[in-house]
Amino acid sequence: MATTFTNILALPLVAALIETGTNEDWIDSIKYTVDPGDGTVMPENWPQLDLRGINFEMEIRRHAEDHEVILTATTEAGTLAIGAPPNYGFLLINVPLHDIKQIFAGEYVGDIRASVGEVVRVAIQIDLTIIEGVTKSP
């Protein structure tokens, strides 16, 4: 628990501009790394921050002040997930086409909150654009 609690405190606030279509699964990943302090300047070579044990939940709305939630995703439901070892530093977004095609094309906002026990913090702020897909399927 102590390591997981420390890791939630190490999460930076990420600002994400995301675009997906009404005719596709929304699949994205965010890799969290830790500066090893050894002078390595390439973040892709840094060790991954261990996200295991952290719960994530996302809500998407038309505007931040709106009460209506357009889309949700959670680690509990599997629409948000932590990568399998050794990729435990990846937060995966996997919202299926079935859910996405229920949403009108347009501009939306959202966030992803991380929680461990009673500690909750916003990890990602999202500006989401959903475009009208051209290829249609039943």
C-alpha atoms as a PDB file:
ATOM      1  CA  MET A   1       0.000   0.000   0.000  1.00  0.00           C
ATOM      2  CA  ALA A   2       2.795   2.460   0.814  1.00  0.00           C
ATOM      3  CA  THR A   3       4.349   2.125  -2.653  1.00  0.00           C
ATOM      4  CA  THR A   4       0.968   2.563  -4.365  1.00  0.00           C
ATOM      5  CA  PHE A   5       0.166   5.579  -2.182  1.00  0.00           C
ATOM      6  CA  THR A   6       3.540   7.111  -3.047  1.00  0.00           C
ATOM      7  CA  ASN A   7       2.967   6.400  -6.734  1.00  0.00           C
ATOM      8  CA  ILE A   8      -0.382   8.195  -6.811  1.00  0.00           C
ATOM      9  CA  LEU A   9       1.372  11.236  -5.383  1.00  0.00           C
ATOM     10  CA  ALA A  10       3.973  10.997  -8.168  1.00  0.00           C
ATOM     11  CA  LEU A  11       1.348  11.246 -10.936  1.00  0.00           C
ATOM     12  CA  PRO A  12       1.768  14.491 -12.850  1.00  0.00           C
ATOM     13  CA  LEU A  13      -1.269  16.346 -14.176  1.00  0.00           C
ATOM     14  CA  VAL A  14      -1.504  15.476 -17.877  1.00  0.00           C
ATOM     15  CA  ALA A  15      -3.363  17.683 -20.376  1.00  0.00           C
ATOM     16  CA  ALA A  16      -4.588  15.528 -23.285  1.00  0.00           C
ATOM     17  CA  LEU A  17      -6.007  16.643 -26.630  1.00  0.00           C
ATOM     18  CA  ILE A  18      -7.730  13.569 -28.022  1.00  0.00           C
ATOM     19  CA  GLU A  19      -9.636  12.967 -31.247  1.00  0.00           C
ATOM     20  CA  THR A  20     -11.636   9.881 -32.076  1.00  0.00           C
ATOM     21  CA  GLY A  21     -14.494   9.097 -34.437  1.00  0.00           C
ATOM     22  CA  THR A  22     -18.076   7.972 -34.087  1.00  0.00           C
ATOM     23  CA  ASN A  23     -17.228   4.869 -36.099  1.00  0.00           C
ATOM     24  CA  GLU A  24     -14.250   3.511 -34.162  1.00  0.00           C
ATOM     25  CA  ASP A  25     -13.117   2.176 -30.817  1.00  0.00           C
ATOM     26  CA  TRP A  26     -11.411   4.831 -28.695  1.00  0.00           C
ATOM     27  CA  ILE A  27      -8.046   3.263 -27.915  1.00  0.00           C
ATOM     28  CA  ASP A  28      -5.220   5.313 -26.435  1.00  0.00           C
ATOM     29  CA  SER A  29      -2.392   4.818 -23.984  1.00  0.00           C
ATOM     30  CA  ILE A  30      -0.434   7.121 -21.725  1.00  0.00           C
ATOM     31  CA  LYS A  31       2.969   6.044 -20.454  1.00  0.00           C
ATOM     32  CA  TYR A  32       4.048   7.313 -17.035  1.00  0.00           C
ATOM     33  CA  THR A  33       7.790   7.374 -16.404  1.00  0.00           C
ATOM     34  CA  VAL A  34      10.046   8.435 -13.538  1.00  0.00           C
ATOM     35  CA  ASP A  35      13.166  10.580 -13.939  1.00  0.00           C
ATOM     36  CA  PRO A  36      15.906   8.324 -12.551  1.00  0.00           C
ATOM     37  CA  GLY A  37      18.020  11.342 -11.628  1.00  0.00           C
ATOM     38  CA  ASP A  38      21.050   9.959 -13.438  1.00  0.00           C
ATOM     39  CA  GLY A  39      21.157  12.545 -16.205  1.00  0.00           C
ATOM     40  CA  THR A  40      19.273  10.435 -18.741  1.00  0.00           C
ATOM     41  CA  VAL A  41      17.538  13.049 -20.871  1.00  0.00           C
ATOM     42  CA  MET A  42      15.325  10.803 -22.965  1.00  0.00           C
ATOM     43  CA  PRO A  43      12.045  10.090 -21.098  1.00  0.00           C
ATOM     44  CA  GLU A  44      11.400   7.027 -23.266  1.00  0.00           C
ATOM     45  CA  ASN A  45      14.428   5.454 -21.527  1.00  0.00           C
ATOM     46  CA  TRP A  46      13.227   6.291 -18.020  1.00  0.00           C
ATOM     47  CA  PRO A  47      11.742   3.539 -15.836  1.00  0.00           C
ATOM     48  CA  GLN A  48       7.962   3.272 -15.744  1.00  0.00           C
ATOM     49  CA  LEU A  49       5.950   4.500 -12.776  1.00  0.00           C
ATOM     50  CA  ASP A  50       4.140   1.462 -11.340  1.00  0.00           C
ATOM     51  CA  LEU A  51       0.392   2.175 -11.669  1.00  0.00           C
ATOM     52  CA  ARG A  52      -0.728  -1.161 -10.240  1.00  0.00           C
ATOM     53  CA  GLY A  53      -3.082  -0.742  -7.289  1.00  0.00           C
ATOM     54  CA  ILE A  54      -4.310   2.674  -8.450  1.00  0.00           C
ATOM     55  CA  ASN A  55      -7.963   2.888  -9.536  1.00  0.00           C
ATOM     56  CA  PHE A  56      -8.862   5.216 -12.399  1.00  0.00           C
ATOM     57  CA  GLU A  57     -12.224   6.654 -13.445  1.00  0.00           C
ATOM     58  CA  MET A  58     -13.116   8.945 -16.334  1.00  0.00           C
ATOM     59  CA  GLU A  59     -16.134  11.153 -17.004  1.00  0.00           C
ATOM     60  CA  ILE A  60     -16.762  13.009 -20.257  1.00  0.00           C
ATOM     61  CA  ARG A  61     -19.243  15.906 -20.452  1.00  0.00           C
ATOM     62  CA  ARG A  62     -20.218  18.553 -22.988  1.00  0.00           C
ATOM     63  CA  HIS A  63     -19.034  21.277 -20.594  1.00  0.00           C
ATOM     64  CA  ALA A  64     -17.328  20.966 -17.204  1.00  0.00           C
ATOM     65  CA  GLU A  65     -20.298  22.487 -15.377  1.00  0.00           C
ATOM     66  CA  ASP A  66     -22.872  20.157 -16.980  1.00  0.00           C
ATOM     67  CA  HIS A  67     -24.486  17.527 -14.792  1.00  0.00           C
ATOM     68  CA  GLU A  68     -25.045  15.067 -17.634  1.00  0.00           C
ATOM     69  CA  VAL A  69     -22.230  12.577 -18.093  1.00  0.00           C
ATOM     70  CA  ILE A  70     -21.848  11.604 -21.754  1.00  0.00           C
ATOM     71  CA  LEU A  71     -19.355   8.779 -21.258  1.00  0.00           C
ATOM     72  CA  THR A  72     -17.695   6.963 -18.359  1.00  0.00           C
ATOM     73  CA  ALA A  73     -14.785   4.561 -18.167  1.00  0.00           C
ATOM     74  CA  THR A  74     -13.197   2.880 -15.154  1.00  0.00           C
ATOM     75  CA  THR A  75     -10.544   0.351 -14.267  1.00  0.00           C
ATOM     76  CA  GLU A  76     -13.310  -1.574 -12.505  1.00  0.00           C
ATOM     77  CA  ALA A  77     -15.271  -1.891 -15.782  1.00  0.00           C
ATOM     78  CA  GLY A  78     -12.130  -2.576 -17.828  1.00  0.00           C
ATOM     79  CA  THR A  79     -12.546   0.421 -20.122  1.00  0.00           C
ATOM     80  CA  LEU A  80      -9.486   1.884 -18.380  1.00  0.00           C
ATOM     81  CA  ALA A  81      -6.655  -0.508 -17.585  1.00  0.00           C
ATOM     82  CA  ILE A  82      -3.082  -0.737 -16.409  1.00  0.00           C
ATOM     83  CA  GLY A  83      -0.664  -2.385 -18.818  1.00  0.00           C
ATOM     84  CA  ALA A  84       0.466  -5.920 -18.087  1.00  0.00           C
ATOM     85  CA  PRO A  85       3.988  -6.265 -16.625  1.00  0.00           C
ATOM     86  CA  PRO A  86       6.483  -5.163 -17.664  1.00  0.00           C
ATOM     87  CA  ASN A  87       4.290  -2.381 -19.077  1.00  0.00           C
ATOM     88  CA  TYR A  88       2.770  -1.444 -15.692  1.00  0.00           C
ATOM     89  CA  GLY A  89       3.421   2.255 -16.371  1.00  0.00           C
ATOM     90  CA  PHE A  90       0.812   2.453 -19.126  1.00  0.00           C
ATOM     91  CA  LEU A  91      -2.730   3.681 -18.558  1.00  0.00           C
ATOM     92  CA  LEU A  92      -4.887   2.263 -21.344  1.00  0.00           C
ATOM     93  CA  ILE A  93      -8.138   3.785 -22.589  1.00  0.00           C
ATOM     94  CA  ASN A  94     -10.319   1.227 -24.366  1.00  0.00           C
ATOM     95  CA  VAL A  95     -13.853   2.461 -25.013  1.00  0.00           C
ATOM     96  CA  PRO A  96     -15.637   0.183 -27.493  1.00  0.00           C
ATOM     97  CA  LEU A  97     -17.340   1.327 -30.681  1.00  0.00           C
ATOM     98  CA  HIS A  98     -20.710   0.394 -29.173  1.00  0.00           C
ATOM     99  CA  ASP A  99     -20.301   3.163 -26.564  1.00  0.00           C
ATOM    100  CA  ILE A 100     -18.711   5.726 -28.885  1.00  0.00           C
ATOM    101  CA  LYS A 101     -21.347   5.507 -31.613  1.00  0.00           C
ATOM    102  CA  GLN A 102     -23.983   6.582 -29.042  1.00  0.00           C
ATOM    103  CA  ILE A 103     -22.315  10.018 -28.837  1.00  0.00           C
ATOM    104  CA  PHE A 104     -22.854  12.875 -31.292  1.00  0.00           C
ATOM    105  CA  ALA A 105     -19.828  14.318 -33.045  1.00  0.00           C
ATOM    106  CA  GLY A 106     -18.606  17.416 -31.235  1.00  0.00           C
ATOM    107  CA  GLU A 107     -16.320  18.911 -28.607  1.00  0.00           C
ATOM    108  CA  TYR A 108     -16.282  17.501 -25.071  1.00  0.00           C
ATOM    109  CA  VAL A 109     -14.281  17.822 -21.858  1.00  0.00           C
ATOM    110  CA  GLY A 110     -13.396  15.277 -19.234  1.00  0.00           C
ATOM    111  CA  ASP A 111     -10.917  14.107 -16.699  1.00  0.00           C
ATOM    112  CA  ILE A 112      -9.476  10.924 -15.341  1.00  0.00           C
ATOM    113  CA  ARG A 113      -9.196  10.679 -11.574  1.00  0.00           C
ATOM    114  CA  ALA A 114      -6.822   8.346  -9.776  1.00  0.00           C
ATOM    115  CA  SER A 115      -7.624   6.946  -6.352  1.00  0.00           C
ATOM    116  CA  VAL A 116      -6.015   4.814  -3.679  1.00  0.00           C
ATOM    117  CA  GLY A 117      -8.102   4.405  -0.548  1.00  0.00           C
ATOM    118  CA  GLU A 118      -9.287   7.864   0.491  1.00  0.00           C
ATOM    119  CA  VAL A 119      -6.744   9.707  -1.690  1.00  0.00           C
ATOM    120  CA  VAL A 120      -8.230  11.012  -4.948  1.00  0.00           C
ATOM    121  CA  ARG A 121      -6.562  13.278  -7.465  1.00  0.00           C
ATOM    122  CA  VAL A 122      -7.071  14.329 -11.051  1.00  0.00           C
ATOM    123  CA  ALA A 123      -4.419  12.694 -13.219  1.00  0.00           C
ATOM    124  CA  ILE A 124      -5.552  13.724 -16.719  1.00  0.00           C
ATOM    125  CA  GLN A 125      -7.568  16.640 -18.080  1.00  0.00           C
ATOM    126  CA  ILE A 126      -9.108  15.876 -21.472  1.00  0.00           C
ATOM    127  CA  ASP A 127     -10.242  18.000 -24.388  1.00  0.00           C
ATOM    128  CA  LEU A 128     -12.012  15.439 -26.568  1.00  0.00           C
ATOM    129  CA  THR A 129     -13.114  15.890 -30.165  1.00  0.00           C
ATOM    130  CA  ILE A 130     -15.375  13.239 -31.615  1.00  0.00           C
ATOM    131  CA  ILE A 131     -15.612  13.504 -35.382  1.00  0.00           C
ATOM    132  CA  GLU A 132     -18.368  12.055 -37.541  1.00  0.00           C
ATOM    133  CA  GLY A 133     -16.992   8.871 -39.053  1.00  0.00           C
ATOM    134  CA  VAL A 134     -17.477   8.386 -42.778  1.00  0.00           C
ATOM    135  CA  THR A 135     -17.566   4.582 -42.924  1.00  0.00           C
ATOM    136  CA  LYS A 136     -20.761   3.369 -41.274  1.00  0.00           C
ATOM    137  CA  SER A 137     -21.511  -0.115 -40.039  1.00  0.00           C
ATOM    138  CA  PRO A 138     -24.633  -1.569 -38.468  1.00  0.00           C
END
